[in-house]
Amino acid sequence: MHRRTFLAATGVVGLTALPALPATASSQGRLVGSLDELQAAIVRATPGSVITVADGTYEVSAPITITGKRGTRDEPIVVRAESVGGVVLTGEQSFVLSGSSDVTISGFAFRQRTTLDVPPDCRRIRLTRNDFQLADIEGLHWVMVRADYSTIDRNEFHGKSTLGIYLGVEGAGTDGMARGVHITRNYFRDHTFPGDNGGEPIRLGLSPRALSTAGAVVEFNLFERANGDPEAISVKSSGNTIRHNTIRDSLGGIVLRHGNATRVEGNYLLSGENGIRIYGNDHLIVNNYVERISGTGVVLGSGNVRDHYPGEPADSRRGNDAPDRVRIALNTVLDCEFAVSGESHRTLPPLECAVTDNLLVTDNGQLVNMPFQDGITWSGNIHWGQGTDGNAPAAGFTRVDPRLAPGPDGVRRLTAGSPAINAASQSYPEVAADLDGDHRTGRTADVGADEYSARWPTYRPLTSTDVGPHAR
């Protein structure tokens, strides 16, 4: 029996009507007022069908199955709430997908007691403008995406105090990864699990999946009070892009824990406890702005293994892979305990890594604390402030005032006449733009994350109005 009550005070943010979907020749818009009607409409759905669920609270006693339903890229099957947040789904489960593609689920408030799973036999599933506050059960992961080319956008995840992640991406079997998952414009907040592991807002993979190339893009997401784990974005797979995210007032940072060849670009990490931490090979860490981190802005880790490989024992795969060929370039790190540091509690050092053309400033801490130096090239960095230089090689930096000034968004950028302008020691043909979206000028790039410009920045630190169910 499906029971429905009309929405009164549910704790869901105020309602906003969804934008009208494009009309197509095969569109079959229909308003349903019960879960039985919803299930029947899903069974009949064809490409372009739009099924709208009337606002209210629905107790789901049997799964809402979406089985063998295949929209197209141009005409997805859409199941949506009448208004954003206006349909609250309670009970053990909600939607259960299998064998489906090009399906969009939009505008729901999920309050279920089990994981919402997007399985690997699906493809191009989109979860958009939903509110996730599932039951606060120990060990419950809220959303797990294992389907290729899925999109998770403009959702809000909030209110977990127990072990378990908000959003995971895995794949088929024990070592595969979903390919091409896009995670954008989501709001992750208020994860308060007090343990030291297992409360990540986003986890891309697991150690057995580290060598699988996921190609995920995680961009323009906001994390606030993400305190369930030192890793707000935990990367345990290869070939991902992490860009233009804002992490504010959080325990968690960005951690490349397992895997290779991930690009971390143009992120803001503000007033938290952890910055960017790196293991594995062939990563690029560029154009990031890290300010007021109580720990280290950027940690180039050490390892207890040198290079993961197919078929290695599980204990080895869980180990920390010492970084090789990692480039840390064109970042701005301000007022952290350490700007750049390494690790001494593991014995395998970084090899063939480079720390170049970064802007490092502090008045209280130490700029560099790197126990292993032989495998690292340093050049073109600018140091400033009353903090000490630490053990940075003297040939790798210049101590000079970079002439920073805060903008209306609080970001400290270069001003006219800064010695950082056109001062990069290396060329960066693979870096087309800076933190703000301004064009980089090759060999004459400016030091740090900001390329001097009088233009208003295209990108800036995100706020809650930029993300979540009500964002544009």
Protein backbone atom coordinates (compact mmCIF):
# COMPACT_ATOMS: atom_id res chain seq x y z
CA MET A 1 0.00 0.00 0.00
CA HIS A 2 1.46 3.39 -1.01
CA ARG A 3 0.46 6.16 1.38
CA ARG A 4 0.64 9.83 0.44
CA THR A 5 0.16 12.94 2.54
CA PHE A 6 0.31 16.50 1.30
CA LEU A 7 3.46 18.41 2.11
CA ALA A 8 3.36 20.63 5.16
CA ALA A 9 6.46 21.37 7.23
CA THR A 10 9.06 18.83 6.06
CA GLY A 11 12.35 20.60 6.69
CA VAL A 12 12.96 20.88 2.95
CA VAL A 13 14.12 24.23 1.59
CA GLY A 14 11.43 26.37 -0.07
CA LEU A 15 9.96 25.08 -3.28
CA THR A 16 10.87 26.26 -6.74
CA ALA A 17 9.20 25.11 -9.94
CA LEU A 18 11.46 23.19 -12.28
CA PRO A 19 12.26 24.86 -15.58
CA ALA A 20 9.98 23.63 -18.35
CA LEU A 21 11.48 20.75 -20.29
CA PRO A 22 11.84 21.19 -24.04
CA ALA A 23 8.77 20.05 -25.90
CA THR A 24 9.37 17.28 -28.40
CA ALA A 25 7.10 15.42 -30.73
CA SER A 26 7.15 12.39 -28.46
CA SER A 27 6.77 14.22 -25.13
CA GLN A 28 4.12 12.63 -22.94
CA GLY A 29 3.78 14.91 -19.93
CA ARG A 30 1.56 13.44 -17.23
CA LEU A 31 0.81 14.34 -13.60
CA VAL A 32 0.50 11.35 -11.28
CA GLY A 33 -0.82 11.50 -7.73
CA SER A 34 0.13 8.11 -6.27
CA LEU A 35 3.07 5.74 -6.43
CA ASP A 36 0.93 3.12 -8.14
CA GLU A 37 0.18 5.65 -10.89
CA LEU A 38 3.88 6.54 -11.03
CA GLN A 39 4.91 2.91 -11.48
CA ALA A 40 2.34 2.40 -14.22
CA ALA A 41 3.52 5.54 -16.02
CA ILE A 42 7.15 4.37 -15.86
CA VAL A 43 6.18 1.01 -17.37
CA ARG A 44 4.56 2.83 -20.30
CA ALA A 45 7.34 5.40 -20.72
CA THR A 46 9.06 5.83 -24.08
CA PRO A 47 11.81 8.24 -25.21
CA GLY A 48 10.74 11.80 -24.42
CA SER A 49 8.21 10.84 -21.75
CA VAL A 50 7.91 13.33 -18.87
CA ILE A 51 6.29 11.95 -15.73
CA THR A 52 5.51 14.54 -13.04
CA VAL A 53 4.74 13.47 -9.48
CA ALA A 54 2.32 15.69 -7.55
CA ASP A 55 3.80 17.39 -4.49
CA GLY A 56 3.38 15.52 -1.23
CA THR A 57 5.04 13.04 1.10
CA TYR A 58 4.97 9.43 -0.11
CA GLU A 59 5.79 6.41 2.03
CA VAL A 60 7.37 3.89 -0.33
CA SER A 61 6.59 0.33 0.75
CA ALA A 62 7.71 -1.35 -2.49
CA PRO A 63 10.53 -0.19 -4.80
CA ILE A 64 9.72 2.14 -7.68
CA THR A 65 11.35 0.12 -10.45
CA ILE A 66 12.84 1.58 -13.61
CA THR A 67 13.72 -1.54 -15.57
CA GLY A 68 14.72 -1.76 -19.21
CA LYS A 69 13.66 1.82 -19.92
CA ARG A 70 15.73 3.49 -22.61
CA GLY A 71 15.40 7.10 -23.55
CA THR A 72 17.80 8.77 -25.94
CA ARG A 73 20.33 11.54 -25.48
CA ASP A 74 17.97 14.01 -27.15
CA GLU A 75 14.80 12.58 -25.61
CA PRO A 76 15.49 11.20 -22.14
CA ILE A 77 12.78 9.71 -19.99
CA VAL A 78 12.19 12.23 -17.20
CA VAL A 79 10.68 11.46 -13.81
CA ARG A 80 10.35 14.68 -11.84
CA ALA A 81 8.71 16.26 -8.85
CA GLU A 82 6.00 18.83 -9.45
CA SER A 83 8.26 21.38 -7.75
CA VAL A 84 11.85 21.14 -6.55
CA GLY A 85 11.79 19.46 -3.15
CA GLY A 86 8.03 19.15 -3.27
CA VAL A 87 7.95 15.35 -3.36
CA VAL A 88 9.36 13.66 -0.25
CA LEU A 89 10.06 9.93 -0.52
CA THR A 90 10.26 8.02 2.77
CA GLY A 91 10.53 4.30 3.47
CA GLU A 92 13.08 1.58 2.84
CA GLN A 93 13.80 2.34 -0.83
CA SER A 94 12.78 4.67 -3.61
CA PHE A 95 13.84 4.24 -7.23
CA VAL A 96 15.52 0.96 -8.20
CA LEU A 97 17.15 1.09 -11.63
CA SER A 98 18.29 -1.72 -13.89
CA GLY A 99 19.06 -2.09 -17.58
CA SER A 100 18.10 1.50 -18.34
CA SER A 101 19.68 4.47 -20.10
CA ASP A 102 19.02 8.17 -20.62
CA VAL A 103 16.75 8.49 -17.60
CA THR A 104 16.55 11.68 -15.51
CA ILE A 105 15.30 11.79 -11.90
CA SER A 106 14.71 15.35 -10.77
CA GLY A 107 13.45 17.42 -7.87
CA PHE A 108 12.83 14.78 -5.19
CA ALA A 109 13.63 14.88 -1.47
CA PHE A 110 15.07 11.46 -0.64
CA ARG A 111 14.61 10.24 2.94
CA GLN A 112 15.02 6.48 2.43
CA ARG A 113 16.87 3.94 4.59
CA THR A 114 18.98 2.23 1.90
CA THR A 115 21.50 3.35 -0.72
CA LEU A 116 20.22 4.85 -3.96
CA ASP A 117 22.18 2.74 -6.44
CA VAL A 118 22.83 3.50 -10.11
CA PRO A 119 24.05 0.07 -11.27
CA PRO A 120 26.59 -0.74 -13.99
CA ASP A 121 23.99 -2.18 -16.38
CA CYS A 122 22.63 1.36 -16.78
CA ARG A 123 24.07 4.26 -18.79
CA ARG A 124 23.66 8.04 -18.85
CA ILE A 125 21.50 8.30 -15.74
CA ARG A 126 21.02 11.83 -14.44
CA LEU A 127 20.20 12.79 -10.84
CA THR A 128 19.45 16.50 -10.76
CA ARG A 129 17.97 19.04 -8.33
CA ASN A 130 17.33 16.48 -5.61
CA ASP A 131 17.69 16.83 -1.84
CA PHE A 132 19.44 13.91 -0.14
CA GLN A 133 19.08 13.43 3.59
CA LEU A 134 18.79 9.70 3.95
CA ALA A 135 18.42 7.88 7.25
CA ASP A 136 21.44 8.54 9.48
CA ILE A 137 22.40 4.87 9.71
CA GLU A 138 25.93 3.74 10.59
CA GLY A 139 27.74 2.57 7.46
CA LEU A 140 25.04 3.65 5.00
CA HIS A 141 26.37 5.19 1.78
CA TRP A 142 23.71 7.50 0.39
CA VAL A 143 24.25 7.44 -3.40
CA MET A 144 26.44 5.00 -5.32
CA VAL A 145 26.98 5.55 -9.06
CA ARG A 146 28.34 2.62 -11.06
CA ALA A 147 26.89 3.46 -14.50
CA ASP A 148 28.97 4.99 -17.29
CA TYR A 149 28.42 8.63 -18.30
CA SER A 150 26.04 9.43 -15.49
CA THR A 151 25.50 13.02 -14.35
CA ILE A 152 25.00 14.12 -10.75
CA ASP A 153 24.18 17.82 -10.76
CA ARG A 154 22.54 20.50 -8.63
CA ASN A 155 21.75 18.24 -5.71
CA GLU A 156 22.14 18.89 -2.00
CA PHE A 157 23.61 16.33 0.41
CA HIS A 158 23.39 17.19 4.10
CA GLY A 159 22.89 16.06 7.67
CA LYS A 160 24.91 12.86 8.22
CA SER A 161 26.59 12.19 11.58
CA THR A 162 27.53 8.52 11.18
CA LEU A 163 30.01 6.46 9.17
CA GLY A 164 29.23 6.47 5.45
CA ILE A 165 29.77 8.60 2.37
CA TYR A 166 27.41 10.97 0.62
CA LEU A 167 28.32 10.07 -2.99
CA GLY A 168 30.48 7.27 -4.32
CA VAL A 169 31.54 6.33 -7.82
CA GLU A 170 32.58 2.74 -8.47
CA GLY A 171 32.01 0.36 -11.39
CA ALA A 172 31.42 -3.19 -12.47
CA GLY A 173 33.07 -6.08 -10.65
CA THR A 174 35.74 -5.55 -8.02
CA ASP A 175 38.23 -3.45 -9.98
CA GLY A 176 36.32 -1.48 -12.64
CA MET A 177 35.19 2.14 -12.62
CA ALA A 178 32.23 3.83 -14.25
CA ARG A 179 33.54 5.96 -17.11
CA GLY A 180 32.84 9.62 -17.72
CA VAL A 181 30.77 10.45 -14.64
CA HIS A 182 30.10 14.19 -14.31
CA ILE A 183 29.56 15.65 -10.82
CA THR A 184 28.75 19.35 -10.88
CA ARG A 185 26.99 22.18 -9.02
CA ASN A 186 26.19 20.05 -5.97
CA TYR A 187 26.14 21.27 -2.37
CA PHE A 188 27.78 18.94 0.16
CA ARG A 189 27.44 20.15 3.73
CA ASP A 190 27.27 19.20 7.38
CA HIS A 191 28.79 15.75 7.50
CA THR A 192 29.75 15.43 11.16
CA PHE A 193 30.93 11.82 11.57
CA PRO A 194 33.59 12.08 14.31
CA GLY A 195 35.79 9.21 13.10
CA ASP A 196 39.01 9.64 11.13
CA ASN A 197 38.01 7.63 8.05
CA GLY A 198 34.87 6.74 6.12
CA GLY A 199 32.83 9.95 6.02
CA GLU A 200 33.81 11.42 2.66
CA PRO A 201 31.36 13.63 0.75
CA ILE A 202 32.74 12.31 -2.58
CA ARG A 203 34.74 9.13 -3.08
CA LEU A 204 35.91 8.24 -6.59
CA GLY A 205 36.78 4.56 -6.41
CA LEU A 206 38.43 2.25 -3.89
CA SER A 207 41.93 0.83 -3.64
CA PRO A 208 41.16 -2.27 -5.79
CA ARG A 209 39.91 0.11 -8.52
CA ALA A 210 42.91 2.46 -8.38
CA LEU A 211 44.35 1.57 -11.80
CA SER A 212 41.02 1.83 -13.60
CA THR A 213 40.70 5.01 -15.67
CA ALA A 214 37.45 6.67 -14.63
CA GLY A 215 37.67 9.98 -16.48
CA ALA A 216 35.31 11.57 -13.95
CA VAL A 217 34.91 15.34 -13.92
CA VAL A 218 34.17 16.85 -10.50
CA GLU A 219 33.64 20.58 -10.93
CA PHE A 220 31.86 23.60 -9.44
CA ASN A 221 30.76 21.82 -6.26
CA LEU A 222 30.60 23.48 -2.85
CA PHE A 223 31.64 21.76 0.39
CA GLU A 224 30.92 23.42 3.73
CA ARG A 225 31.44 21.89 7.16
CA ALA A 226 32.50 18.64 5.50
CA ASN A 227 33.89 17.22 8.73
CA GLY A 228 33.29 13.48 8.37
CA ASP A 229 36.73 12.67 6.96
CA PRO A 230 40.07 14.38 6.20
CA GLU A 231 39.21 13.75 2.53
CA ALA A 232 36.32 15.84 1.20
CA ILE A 233 37.12 14.68 -2.34
CA SER A 234 38.79 11.29 -2.10
CA VAL A 235 40.27 10.03 -5.37
CA LYS A 236 40.99 6.30 -5.56
CA SER A 237 41.00 5.82 -9.33
CA SER A 238 42.87 7.21 -12.33
CA GLY A 239 42.48 9.85 -15.01
CA ASN A 240 40.08 12.22 -13.25
CA THR A 241 39.65 16.00 -13.31
CA ILE A 242 38.94 17.92 -10.08
CA ARG A 243 38.39 21.61 -10.87
CA HIS A 244 36.73 24.82 -9.72
CA ASN A 245 35.35 23.36 -6.50
CA THR A 246 35.17 25.33 -3.24
CA ILE A 247 35.87 23.66 0.11
CA ARG A 248 35.20 26.00 3.02
CA ASP A 249 35.30 25.63 6.83
CA SER A 250 35.88 21.89 6.57
CA LEU A 251 38.06 19.14 7.97
CA GLY A 252 38.29 17.57 4.52
CA GLY A 253 40.55 18.51 1.63
CA ILE A 254 41.34 17.08 -1.81
CA VAL A 255 43.28 13.82 -1.56
CA LEU A 256 44.68 11.77 -4.43
CA ARG A 257 44.86 8.63 -2.30
CA HIS A 258 45.15 5.96 -5.01
CA GLY A 259 45.53 6.06 -8.77
CA ASN A 260 47.41 8.08 -11.36
CA ALA A 261 47.10 10.95 -13.84
CA THR A 262 44.52 13.15 -12.14
CA ARG A 263 44.40 16.90 -12.73
CA VAL A 264 43.53 19.14 -9.76
CA GLU A 265 42.94 22.65 -11.08
CA GLY A 266 41.47 25.95 -9.99
CA ASN A 267 40.00 24.84 -6.67
CA TYR A 268 39.49 27.03 -3.60
CA LEU A 269 40.32 25.53 -0.20
CA LEU A 270 39.45 28.09 2.47
CA SER A 271 39.63 28.20 6.27
CA GLY A 272 39.81 24.46 6.81
CA GLU A 273 42.11 21.83 8.27
CA ASN A 274 43.44 19.97 5.21
CA GLY A 275 44.56 21.16 1.81
CA ILE A 276 45.67 19.02 -1.14
CA ARG A 277 47.48 15.72 -0.49
CA ILE A 278 49.06 13.64 -3.23
CA TYR A 279 50.10 10.03 -3.79
CA GLY A 280 50.54 8.17 -7.08
CA ASN A 281 52.01 9.18 -10.40
CA ASP A 282 51.68 11.76 -13.18
CA HIS A 283 49.31 14.18 -11.47
CA LEU A 284 49.09 17.89 -12.27
CA ILE A 285 48.26 20.25 -9.38
CA VAL A 286 47.78 23.71 -10.90
CA ASN A 287 46.04 27.06 -10.34
CA ASN A 288 44.68 26.19 -6.90
CA TYR A 289 44.07 28.81 -4.20
CA VAL A 290 44.64 27.53 -0.67
CA GLU A 291 44.19 29.95 2.23
CA ARG A 292 44.08 29.71 6.04
CA ILE A 293 44.47 25.95 6.31
CA SER A 294 45.42 24.94 9.85
CA GLY A 295 47.53 22.09 8.48
CA THR A 296 49.48 22.03 5.22
CA GLY A 297 48.34 23.68 2.01
CA VAL A 298 49.88 21.08 -0.33
CA VAL A 299 51.33 17.76 0.85
CA LEU A 300 53.53 15.82 -1.55
CA GLY A 301 53.33 12.46 0.18
CA SER A 302 55.79 9.63 0.58
CA GLY A 303 55.05 5.95 0.19
CA ASN A 304 55.33 2.44 1.50
CA VAL A 305 54.99 1.08 -2.06
CA ARG A 306 56.47 2.24 -5.35
CA ASP A 307 53.85 1.97 -8.10
CA HIS A 308 50.72 -0.12 -7.91
CA TYR A 309 50.41 -2.85 -10.52
CA PRO A 310 47.70 -5.22 -11.79
CA GLY A 311 47.33 -8.30 -9.66
CA GLU A 312 49.23 -6.97 -6.66
CA PRO A 313 48.24 -8.29 -3.21
CA ALA A 314 45.44 -6.43 -1.46
CA ASP A 315 47.71 -5.27 1.37
CA SER A 316 50.08 -3.71 -1.15
CA ARG A 317 47.25 -2.03 -3.06
CA ARG A 318 46.01 -0.43 0.13
CA GLY A 319 49.44 1.08 0.68
CA ASN A 320 50.49 4.62 -0.19
CA ASP A 321 52.13 4.85 -3.61
CA ALA A 322 55.07 7.26 -3.46
CA PRO A 323 54.52 10.10 -5.96
CA ASP A 324 56.39 10.02 -9.27
CA ARG A 325 56.34 12.73 -11.95
CA VAL A 326 53.92 14.98 -10.06
CA ARG A 327 53.92 18.67 -10.96
CA ILE A 328 52.81 21.28 -8.42
CA ALA A 329 52.74 24.56 -10.32
CA LEU A 330 51.12 27.99 -10.41
CA ASN A 331 49.31 27.63 -7.09
CA THR A 332 48.74 30.33 -4.46
CA VAL A 333 49.09 29.13 -0.85
CA LEU A 334 48.47 31.70 1.88
CA ASP A 335 48.62 31.64 5.68
CA CYS A 336 48.78 27.90 6.28
CA GLU A 337 50.82 26.18 8.99
CA PHE A 338 53.00 24.88 6.14
CA ALA A 339 52.56 25.95 2.54
CA VAL A 340 54.19 22.86 0.99
CA SER A 341 55.35 19.84 2.95
CA GLY A 342 56.19 16.19 2.64
CA GLU A 343 55.93 13.16 4.90
CA SER A 344 58.66 11.45 6.88
CA HIS A 345 56.73 8.52 8.38
CA ARG A 346 56.91 6.53 5.12
CA THR A 347 60.26 5.62 3.63
CA LEU A 348 59.83 5.84 -0.16
CA PRO A 349 60.36 9.41 -1.39
CA PRO A 350 58.83 11.27 -4.33
CA LEU A 351 60.74 10.89 -7.60
CA GLU A 352 60.96 13.21 -10.63
CA CYS A 353 58.51 15.68 -9.11
CA ALA A 354 58.52 19.46 -9.60
CA VAL A 355 57.39 22.38 -7.45
CA THR A 356 57.48 25.41 -9.72
CA ASP A 357 56.15 28.96 -9.96
CA ASN A 358 53.98 28.83 -6.86
CA LEU A 359 53.19 31.84 -4.70
CA LEU A 360 53.74 30.97 -1.01
CA VAL A 361 52.95 33.52 1.69
CA THR A 362 52.60 33.30 5.47
CA ASP A 363 53.18 35.51 8.49
CA ASN A 364 53.05 32.76 11.10
CA GLY A 365 53.97 29.35 9.75
CA GLN A 366 56.73 27.77 7.72
CA LEU A 367 56.60 27.83 3.95
CA VAL A 368 58.37 24.57 3.10
CA ASN A 369 58.97 21.44 5.17
CA MET A 370 60.12 18.72 2.77
CA PRO A 371 62.02 15.79 4.35
CA PHE A 372 62.93 14.27 0.95
CA GLN A 373 64.62 16.64 -1.50
CA ASP A 374 66.55 14.53 -4.00
CA GLY A 375 63.56 13.61 -6.15
CA ILE A 376 62.12 17.13 -6.42
CA THR A 377 62.96 20.04 -8.74
CA TRP A 378 62.25 23.53 -7.40
CA SER A 379 62.16 26.70 -9.50
CA GLY A 380 60.49 30.08 -9.81
CA ASN A 381 58.56 30.05 -6.54
CA ILE A 382 57.93 33.33 -4.71
CA HIS A 383 58.09 33.45 -0.90
CA TRP A 384 56.82 36.27 1.27
CA GLY A 385 55.67 37.08 4.79
CA GLN A 386 57.14 36.88 8.26
CA GLY A 387 57.02 33.09 8.29
CA THR A 388 60.23 31.16 7.67
CA ASP A 389 61.30 29.70 4.32
CA GLY A 390 61.90 26.29 5.86
CA ASN A 391 64.14 23.93 3.92
CA ALA A 392 63.26 25.10 0.42
CA PRO A 393 66.39 25.10 -1.76
CA ALA A 394 67.65 28.66 -2.07
CA ALA A 395 67.86 28.42 -5.85
CA GLY A 396 64.19 27.46 -6.05
CA PHE A 397 62.58 30.67 -4.79
CA THR A 398 62.80 34.44 -4.62
CA ARG A 399 61.77 36.30 -1.49
CA VAL A 400 59.85 39.35 -2.69
CA ASP A 401 56.55 41.08 -1.92
CA PRO A 402 54.03 39.85 -4.54
CA ARG A 403 51.77 42.86 -3.91
CA LEU A 404 48.52 41.05 -3.32
CA ALA A 405 45.22 42.76 -2.60
CA PRO A 406 41.83 41.24 -1.76
CA GLY A 407 38.97 41.64 -4.21
CA PRO A 408 35.25 41.90 -3.36
CA ASP A 409 35.16 38.09 -3.15
CA GLY A 410 37.98 38.06 -0.58
CA VAL A 411 40.48 36.43 -2.93
CA ARG A 412 43.94 38.00 -2.80
CA ARG A 413 45.13 38.64 -6.34
CA LEU A 414 48.10 40.33 -7.99
CA THR A 415 48.06 44.09 -8.38
CA ALA A 416 49.75 46.23 -11.02
CA GLY A 417 53.51 46.17 -10.73
CA SER A 418 53.68 42.83 -8.91
CA PRO A 419 57.02 41.07 -9.42
CA ALA A 420 55.04 37.87 -10.02
CA ILE A 421 53.77 39.19 -13.37
CA ASN A 422 55.45 37.45 -16.33
CA ALA A 423 57.90 35.82 -13.91
CA ALA A 424 57.22 32.09 -14.42
CA SER A 425 60.36 30.00 -14.78
CA GLN A 426 58.69 27.31 -16.89
CA SER A 427 56.30 27.20 -19.83
CA TYR A 428 52.87 25.61 -19.39
CA PRO A 429 51.29 24.88 -22.77
CA GLU A 430 48.81 22.53 -21.09
CA VAL A 431 47.50 25.31 -18.81
CA ALA A 432 45.32 27.61 -20.91
CA ALA A 433 43.76 29.73 -18.16
CA ASP A 434 44.29 30.77 -14.55
CA LEU A 435 42.17 30.43 -11.41
CA ASP A 436 39.82 33.19 -12.57
CA GLY A 437 39.46 31.94 -16.14
CA ASP A 438 41.89 34.52 -17.56
CA HIS A 439 44.18 33.43 -20.39
CA ARG A 440 47.64 32.21 -19.42
CA THR A 441 50.48 33.51 -21.55
CA GLY A 442 52.76 30.52 -21.94
CA ARG A 443 56.41 31.04 -20.95
CA THR A 444 55.60 34.49 -19.57
CA ALA A 445 52.85 33.29 -17.24
CA ASP A 446 52.51 34.96 -13.85
CA VAL A 447 53.62 33.14 -10.72
CA GLY A 448 50.78 31.75 -8.60
CA ALA A 449 47.18 30.92 -9.37
CA ASP A 450 46.25 34.40 -10.63
CA GLU A 451 47.22 35.82 -14.01
CA TYR A 452 47.07 39.59 -13.54
CA SER A 453 44.05 41.15 -15.24
CA ALA A 454 41.76 44.13 -14.75
CA ARG A 455 38.76 42.01 -15.80
CA TRP A 456 36.18 40.76 -13.32
CA PRO A 457 36.92 37.04 -12.82
CA THR A 458 34.87 34.44 -14.63
CA TYR A 459 35.33 32.05 -11.69
CA ARG A 460 35.25 32.86 -7.98
CA PRO A 461 34.66 31.01 -4.71
CA LEU A 462 31.24 29.40 -4.78
CA THR A 463 28.42 30.20 -2.38
CA SER A 464 25.25 28.27 -1.60
CA THR A 465 23.33 30.24 -4.24
CA ASP A 466 25.60 28.83 -6.97
CA VAL A 467 24.90 25.18 -6.24
CA GLY A 468 22.19 22.76 -5.18
CA PRO A 469 18.59 22.21 -6.28
CA HIS A 470 17.77 25.89 -6.81
CA ALA A 471 20.91 26.90 -8.71
CA ARG A 472 20.69 28.00 -12.31
